[in-house]
């Protein structure tokens, strides 16, 4: 996402009081400040990272993936 939201949707995403994230193949493509704060990261640290960084163990990350399969 750009630094300055331009649309109502972007404003809603940016200022939602709950954590919101956009993913693609378990890669974080965008998140709002509330989501980053929930996990103790800056947004710049999360964007384009694997969701694996949010799990305490890599095995748990794999287990959750396998539940969906």
Protein backbone atom coordinates (compact mmCIF):
# COMPACT_ATOMS: atom_id res chain seq x y z
CA UNK A 1 0.00 0.00 0.00
CA UNK A 2 1.06 3.56 -0.58
CA UNK A 3 2.02 5.89 2.22
CA UNK A 4 -1.04 8.10 1.68
CA UNK A 5 -4.40 6.35 1.33
CA UNK A 6 -6.43 7.67 -1.59
CA UNK A 7 -9.71 5.79 -1.46
CA UNK A 8 -12.33 5.17 1.18
CA UNK A 9 -11.37 1.49 1.14
CA UNK A 10 -7.74 2.34 1.82
CA UNK A 11 -8.73 4.67 4.66
CA UNK A 12 -10.93 1.98 6.20
CA UNK A 13 -8.11 -0.59 5.93
CA UNK A 14 -5.57 1.81 7.37
CA UNK A 15 -7.64 2.93 10.36
CA UNK A 16 -9.59 -0.22 11.23
CA UNK A 17 -9.42 -0.91 14.97
CA UNK A 18 -8.77 -4.61 14.27
CA UNK A 19 -5.81 -6.25 12.59
CA UNK A 20 -6.23 -6.70 8.83
CA UNK A 21 -3.84 -8.44 6.46
CA UNK A 22 -3.72 -9.16 2.73
CA UNK A 23 -1.90 -12.37 1.85
CA UNK A 24 -0.87 -14.30 -1.23
CA UNK A 25 0.36 -17.88 -0.87
CA UNK A 26 1.04 -17.29 2.83
CA UNK A 27 3.11 -14.18 2.11
CA UNK A 28 2.04 -10.93 3.77
CA UNK A 29 1.44 -8.39 0.99
CA UNK A 30 -0.10 -5.62 3.12
CA UNK A 31 -1.26 -5.12 6.68
CA UNK A 32 -2.68 -2.33 8.73
CA UNK A 33 -1.02 -0.82 11.82
CA UNK A 34 -3.30 -2.78 14.18
CA UNK A 35 -2.15 -6.09 12.68
CA UNK A 36 1.54 -5.19 12.97
CA UNK A 37 1.06 -4.01 16.55
CA UNK A 38 -0.66 -7.28 17.52
CA UNK A 39 2.56 -9.13 16.72
CA UNK A 40 5.02 -6.48 17.89
CA UNK A 41 6.38 -5.59 14.46
CA UNK A 42 6.55 -2.51 12.31
CA UNK A 43 4.57 -2.92 9.09
CA UNK A 44 7.74 -2.60 7.05
CA UNK A 45 9.08 -5.68 8.83
CA UNK A 46 6.04 -7.77 7.85
CA UNK A 47 5.30 -6.82 4.24
CA UNK A 48 6.59 -9.44 1.78
CA UNK A 49 7.50 -11.82 4.60
CA UNK A 50 6.23 -15.34 5.05
CA UNK A 51 3.58 -15.87 7.71
CA UNK A 52 6.13 -18.26 9.24
CA UNK A 53 7.70 -15.35 11.15
CA UNK A 54 4.50 -15.07 13.21
CA UNK A 55 4.71 -18.66 14.49
CA UNK A 56 6.91 -19.66 17.42
CA UNK A 57 7.95 -22.88 15.63
CA UNK A 58 8.31 -23.64 11.93
CA UNK A 59 6.63 -26.98 12.57
CA UNK A 60 3.49 -25.17 13.76
CA UNK A 61 3.49 -23.07 10.60
CA UNK A 62 3.59 -26.26 8.53
CA UNK A 63 0.92 -27.97 10.65
CA UNK A 64 -1.52 -25.09 10.14
CA UNK A 65 -0.88 -25.23 6.39
CA UNK A 66 -1.59 -28.94 6.34
CA UNK A 67 -4.93 -28.47 8.15
CA UNK A 68 -6.18 -26.50 5.15
CA UNK A 69 -5.02 -29.15 2.72
